[in-house]
Amino acid sequence: MRVVDEIMQFANETDDKIMSLDKRKATQRSKVLVDLLDYWQDLCPEGGLPARADIDPRRIEGALPYAFVLERLTPSTSRLRVAGGHLVDLMGMDVRGMPLSALFQPGDRKKLSSLINSMFLTPRALELELSARGTGSRKSIRAEMMALPLIDDTGSVSRALGCLVAQGALPNPPYRFQIDASRETDIDISKEKVSFAPAPLPKPHLPKSETLHGMEGSRQMAFAEPRTDYAAPSKTSPKNTAPAEGSDKAPHLRVVK
């Protein structure tokens, strides 16, 4: 049975939050998750996993605002390399380079790390039901998250394609979630085609901007803004020079004797 069929069967048997797209009652939330899952499943080679480099954003345009690419750094830490505008709305800031756990309540972060690590190592398709409690004028919201393993350029399972979809308006970010339920579905792959050794830890650095191919420059359609390179000052620019005689501009500093 296909992974998508197993998840849909489970959802229909236990909850009506995720419904078959054949039903008229299918919601936009269910469509985002199922579309992404179908796309990932179509990319899976026989006995293997899709590669990060194979992701084509034109095939998942409707899911892009909710989508993210996850990178495994250690067994307990995974960071968001790429994130759609919906995740920015949830946190009220750019989340690229942040650990995924930043979107979760402190008491749920250990459980999240265990589920994400298992998703990479087994590998498994992971689905979470989430909620963020309201305080004061802030209303409680519900959300769903999915994470699907990918291989990197070395053949290691160190990336994941995922999405996080919250219901309703998000007027008061940041929102941090608790895990209400989880669903893990094992993936039948050949161990000869995939390496399960974690990728070597990168040297500490500010994350570079990463986009899905061909979708730069649009917050709605891209995962990241294009990077602006630093331009070094010209070597010929004057240093420590006084303003020209007759200039109205006063110097910033004066030496008082």
Protein backbone atom coordinates (compact mmCIF):
# COMPACT_ATOMS: atom_id res chain seq x y z
CA MET A 1 0.00 0.00 0.00
CA ARG A 2 1.29 3.49 -0.84
CA VAL A 3 2.28 5.70 2.08
CA VAL A 4 -0.34 8.25 1.07
CA ASP A 5 -3.06 5.57 1.04
CA GLU A 6 -2.09 4.36 4.53
CA ILE A 7 -2.19 7.87 5.98
CA MET A 8 -5.50 8.68 4.29
CA GLN A 9 -7.03 5.41 5.51
CA PHE A 10 -5.88 6.14 9.07
CA ALA A 11 -7.24 9.69 8.92
CA ASN A 12 -10.62 8.64 7.59
CA GLU A 13 -10.98 5.94 10.24
CA THR A 14 -10.00 8.12 13.20
CA ASP A 15 -10.67 11.76 12.40
CA ASP A 16 -12.46 13.86 9.82
CA LYS A 17 -9.83 16.62 9.83
CA ILE A 18 -8.08 15.01 6.86
CA MET A 19 -10.46 13.77 4.22
CA SER A 20 -10.12 12.21 0.82
CA LEU A 21 -9.85 14.76 -1.95
CA ASP A 22 -12.68 12.89 -3.69
CA LYS A 23 -15.09 14.17 -1.05
CA ARG A 24 -16.77 17.53 -1.42
CA LYS A 25 -16.05 18.32 2.22
CA ALA A 26 -12.27 18.20 1.70
CA THR A 27 -10.80 21.37 3.19
CA GLN A 28 -7.93 23.53 1.97
CA ARG A 29 -5.85 22.19 4.86
CA SER A 30 -6.32 18.60 3.79
CA LYS A 31 -5.57 19.50 0.18
CA VAL A 32 -2.22 21.09 1.07
CA LEU A 33 -1.03 18.05 3.03
CA VAL A 34 -2.32 15.48 0.58
CA ASP A 35 -0.99 17.33 -2.47
CA LEU A 36 2.47 17.51 -0.92
CA LEU A 37 2.35 13.85 0.08
CA ASP A 38 1.24 12.79 -3.40
CA TYR A 39 4.03 14.84 -4.98
CA TRP A 40 6.67 13.34 -2.68
CA GLN A 41 5.34 9.84 -3.34
CA ASP A 42 5.54 10.40 -7.11
CA LEU A 43 9.19 11.42 -6.76
CA CYS A 44 10.16 8.27 -4.84
CA PRO A 45 12.27 5.98 -7.04
CA GLU A 46 11.68 2.26 -6.63
CA GLY A 47 13.25 1.21 -3.35
CA GLY A 48 14.57 4.70 -2.59
CA LEU A 49 13.79 8.23 -1.42
CA PRO A 50 13.49 11.47 -3.39
CA ALA A 51 16.46 13.82 -3.49
CA ARG A 52 16.38 17.40 -2.27
CA ALA A 53 17.64 18.48 -5.70
CA ASP A 54 14.60 16.87 -7.38
CA ILE A 55 12.04 19.18 -5.72
CA ASP A 56 10.34 21.35 -8.35
CA PRO A 57 8.27 24.17 -6.81
CA ARG A 58 6.13 24.48 -9.94
CA ARG A 59 4.58 21.13 -9.04
CA ILE A 60 3.49 22.26 -5.56
CA GLU A 61 2.63 25.93 -6.03
CA GLY A 62 -0.47 25.69 -3.82
CA ALA A 63 1.57 24.27 -0.94
CA LEU A 64 4.57 26.62 -1.12
CA PRO A 65 3.41 29.17 1.50
CA TYR A 66 3.08 26.32 4.02
CA ALA A 67 6.13 24.28 3.01
CA PHE A 68 9.60 23.99 4.48
CA VAL A 69 12.86 22.13 3.96
CA LEU A 70 14.43 20.71 7.09
CA GLU A 71 18.11 19.87 7.65
CA ARG A 72 19.25 17.35 10.27
CA LEU A 73 22.23 18.69 12.22
CA THR A 74 22.34 16.32 15.20
CA PRO A 75 20.03 13.63 16.59
CA SER A 76 18.33 16.33 18.65
CA THR A 77 18.52 19.34 16.34
CA SER A 78 17.08 20.07 12.92
CA ARG A 79 16.94 23.52 11.39
CA LEU A 80 14.71 25.18 8.83
CA ARG A 81 16.77 25.84 5.72
CA VAL A 82 13.79 27.07 3.70
CA ALA A 83 10.36 28.20 4.88
CA GLY A 84 7.19 29.55 3.30
CA GLY A 85 5.37 32.75 4.22
CA HIS A 86 2.82 30.98 6.45
CA LEU A 87 5.61 29.98 8.87
CA VAL A 88 6.82 33.58 8.88
CA ASP A 89 3.27 34.65 9.80
CA LEU A 90 3.16 32.12 12.64
CA MET A 91 6.37 33.40 14.22
CA GLY A 92 6.24 37.04 13.15
CA MET A 93 9.80 36.81 11.80
CA ASP A 94 12.00 35.10 9.25
CA VAL A 95 12.48 31.52 10.47
CA ARG A 96 15.24 30.43 8.09
CA GLY A 97 18.16 29.03 10.05
CA MET A 98 16.07 28.56 13.19
CA PRO A 99 15.60 25.12 14.77
CA LEU A 100 12.22 23.57 14.06
CA SER A 101 11.75 23.30 17.83
CA ALA A 102 11.43 27.10 18.01
CA LEU A 103 7.86 26.68 16.74
CA PHE A 104 6.99 24.38 19.67
CA GLN A 105 6.35 24.73 23.38
CA PRO A 106 9.42 23.94 25.54
CA GLY A 107 7.63 20.94 27.10
CA ASP A 108 7.08 19.34 23.67
CA ARG A 109 10.53 19.87 22.17
CA LYS A 110 12.04 16.63 23.45
CA LYS A 111 9.15 14.64 21.96
CA LEU A 112 9.48 16.55 18.69
CA SER A 113 13.22 15.82 18.50
CA SER A 114 12.57 12.10 19.02
CA LEU A 115 9.90 12.00 16.29
CA ILE A 116 12.01 13.97 13.79
CA ASN A 117 15.11 11.88 14.49
CA SER A 118 13.09 8.70 13.97
CA MET A 119 11.70 10.13 10.72
CA PHE A 120 15.25 10.56 9.39
CA LEU A 121 16.71 7.27 10.65
CA THR A 122 13.94 4.75 9.96
CA PRO A 123 12.93 6.51 7.58
CA ARG A 124 9.26 7.35 8.11
CA ALA A 125 6.56 9.74 6.98
CA LEU A 126 5.59 11.84 9.99
CA GLU A 127 2.28 13.61 10.56
CA LEU A 128 1.47 15.73 13.65
CA GLU A 129 -1.73 17.27 14.98
CA LEU A 130 -0.88 20.49 16.81
CA SER A 131 -2.52 23.21 18.86
CA ALA A 132 -1.47 26.56 20.28
CA ARG A 133 -3.27 27.70 23.41
CA GLY A 134 -4.80 31.15 23.47
CA THR A 135 -3.94 33.71 26.13
CA GLY A 136 -5.82 36.93 26.78
CA SER A 137 -7.32 38.15 23.52
CA ARG A 138 -5.44 35.53 21.51
CA LYS A 139 -7.60 32.63 20.33
CA SER A 140 -6.43 29.04 20.37
CA ILE A 141 -5.54 27.63 16.96
CA ARG A 142 -5.12 24.15 15.56
CA ALA A 143 -2.61 23.05 12.95
CA GLU A 144 -1.22 20.05 11.14
CA MET A 145 2.37 19.31 10.19
CA MET A 146 3.88 16.73 7.87
CA ALA A 147 7.55 15.84 7.33
CA LEU A 148 8.82 13.53 4.57
CA PRO A 149 12.48 12.41 4.34
CA LEU A 150 14.78 13.36 1.46
CA ILE A 151 18.36 12.46 0.57
CA ASP A 152 21.07 15.08 0.14
CA ASP A 153 23.81 15.29 -2.50
CA THR A 154 25.86 12.63 -0.67
CA GLY A 155 22.97 10.14 -0.53
CA SER A 156 22.41 10.60 3.21
CA VAL A 157 18.94 11.07 4.69
CA SER A 158 19.61 14.52 6.12
CA ARG A 159 16.82 16.63 4.55
CA ALA A 160 13.05 16.58 4.79
CA LEU A 161 10.25 18.20 2.83
CA GLY A 162 7.39 19.27 5.04
CA CYS A 163 4.48 21.61 5.55
CA LEU A 164 2.72 23.22 8.49
CA VAL A 165 -0.84 24.49 8.05
CA ALA A 166 -2.68 26.41 10.78
CA GLN A 167 -6.36 27.27 10.79
CA GLY A 168 -7.77 30.76 10.93
CA ALA A 169 -6.29 34.24 11.24
CA LEU A 170 -2.92 34.78 12.91
CA PRO A 171 -3.11 38.32 14.34
CA ASN A 172 -0.80 37.90 17.36
CA PRO A 173 2.41 35.99 16.59
CA PRO A 174 4.45 34.22 17.70
CA TYR A 175 2.49 30.97 18.05
CA ARG A 176 4.17 27.96 19.62
CA PHE A 177 2.56 24.56 19.39
CA GLN A 178 2.05 21.50 21.50
CA ILE A 179 1.80 18.02 19.98
CA ASP A 180 -1.68 16.55 20.40
CA ALA A 181 -1.22 13.43 18.25
CA SER A 182 1.36 11.89 15.93
CA ARG A 183 1.25 9.38 13.10
CA GLU A 184 4.33 7.59 11.75
CA THR A 185 4.29 5.46 8.60
CA ASP A 186 7.31 3.32 7.73
CA ILE A 187 8.68 3.58 4.19
CA ASP A 188 9.79 0.43 2.38
CA ILE A 189 13.15 1.27 0.82
CA SER A 190 16.37 -0.52 -0.08
CA LYS A 191 19.21 0.14 2.35
CA GLU A 192 21.64 -0.34 -0.53
CA LYS A 193 20.34 2.85 -2.17
CA VAL A 194 20.22 5.12 0.84
CA SER A 195 22.81 6.03 3.46
CA PHE A 196 21.51 6.47 6.99
CA ALA A 197 24.72 7.91 8.40
CA PRO A 198 24.18 11.49 9.56
CA ALA A 199 25.90 14.09 7.44
CA PRO A 200 29.00 15.67 9.06
CA LEU A 201 28.18 18.65 11.25
CA PRO A 202 28.70 21.95 9.43
CA LYS A 203 30.96 24.65 10.81
CA PRO A 204 29.02 27.36 12.65
CA HIS A 205 27.96 30.06 10.21
CA LEU A 206 25.02 32.18 9.27
CA PRO A 207 22.76 30.15 6.97
CA LYS A 208 22.89 31.05 3.31
CA SER A 209 19.68 31.87 1.55
CA GLU A 210 18.23 28.83 -0.19
CA THR A 211 15.31 28.72 -2.59
CA LEU A 212 13.47 26.15 -4.58
CA HIS A 213 14.67 26.36 -8.15
CA GLY A 214 13.09 29.00 -10.34
CA MET A 215 10.96 30.64 -7.66
CA GLU A 216 13.14 33.50 -6.34
CA GLY A 217 11.83 36.91 -5.41
CA SER A 218 8.21 36.21 -4.41
CA ARG A 219 7.19 35.75 -0.77
CA GLN A 220 4.08 33.83 -1.77
CA MET A 221 5.70 31.57 -4.35
CA ALA A 222 9.25 31.22 -3.05
CA PHE A 223 10.74 29.89 0.15
CA ALA A 224 13.40 32.59 0.50
CA GLU A 225 14.38 36.02 -0.67
CA PRO A 226 17.42 36.26 -2.98
CA ARG A 227 20.64 36.94 -1.10
CA THR A 228 22.28 40.35 -1.38
CA ASP A 229 26.07 40.02 -1.45
CA TYR A 230 28.20 42.29 0.72
CA ALA A 231 30.02 45.01 -1.23
CA ALA A 232 33.37 45.95 0.32
CA PRO A 233 34.26 49.65 0.50
CA SER A 234 36.40 50.94 -2.34
CA LYS A 235 40.11 50.94 -1.63
CA THR A 236 40.36 54.39 -3.20
CA SER A 237 37.81 55.97 -0.86
CA PRO A 238 39.38 58.70 1.35
CA LYS A 239 39.88 57.92 5.00
CA ASN A 240 39.96 60.35 7.92
CA THR A 241 39.76 63.38 5.65
CA ALA A 242 38.39 66.75 6.71
CA PRO A 243 35.54 68.30 4.74
CA ALA A 244 36.57 70.43 1.81
CA GLU A 245 37.07 74.13 2.48
CA GLY A 246 33.79 75.96 2.08
CA SER A 247 31.71 72.84 2.69
CA ASP A 248 28.57 73.27 4.80
CA LYS A 249 28.90 69.77 6.20
CA ALA A 250 30.44 69.71 9.66
CA PRO A 251 32.89 66.95 10.61
CA HIS A 252 31.58 64.16 12.83
CA LEU A 253 34.48 64.49 15.29
CA ARG A 254 36.75 67.37 16.28
CA VAL A 255 39.98 67.36 18.24
CA VAL A 256 39.79 69.88 21.10
CA LYS A 257 43.14 71.00 22.50
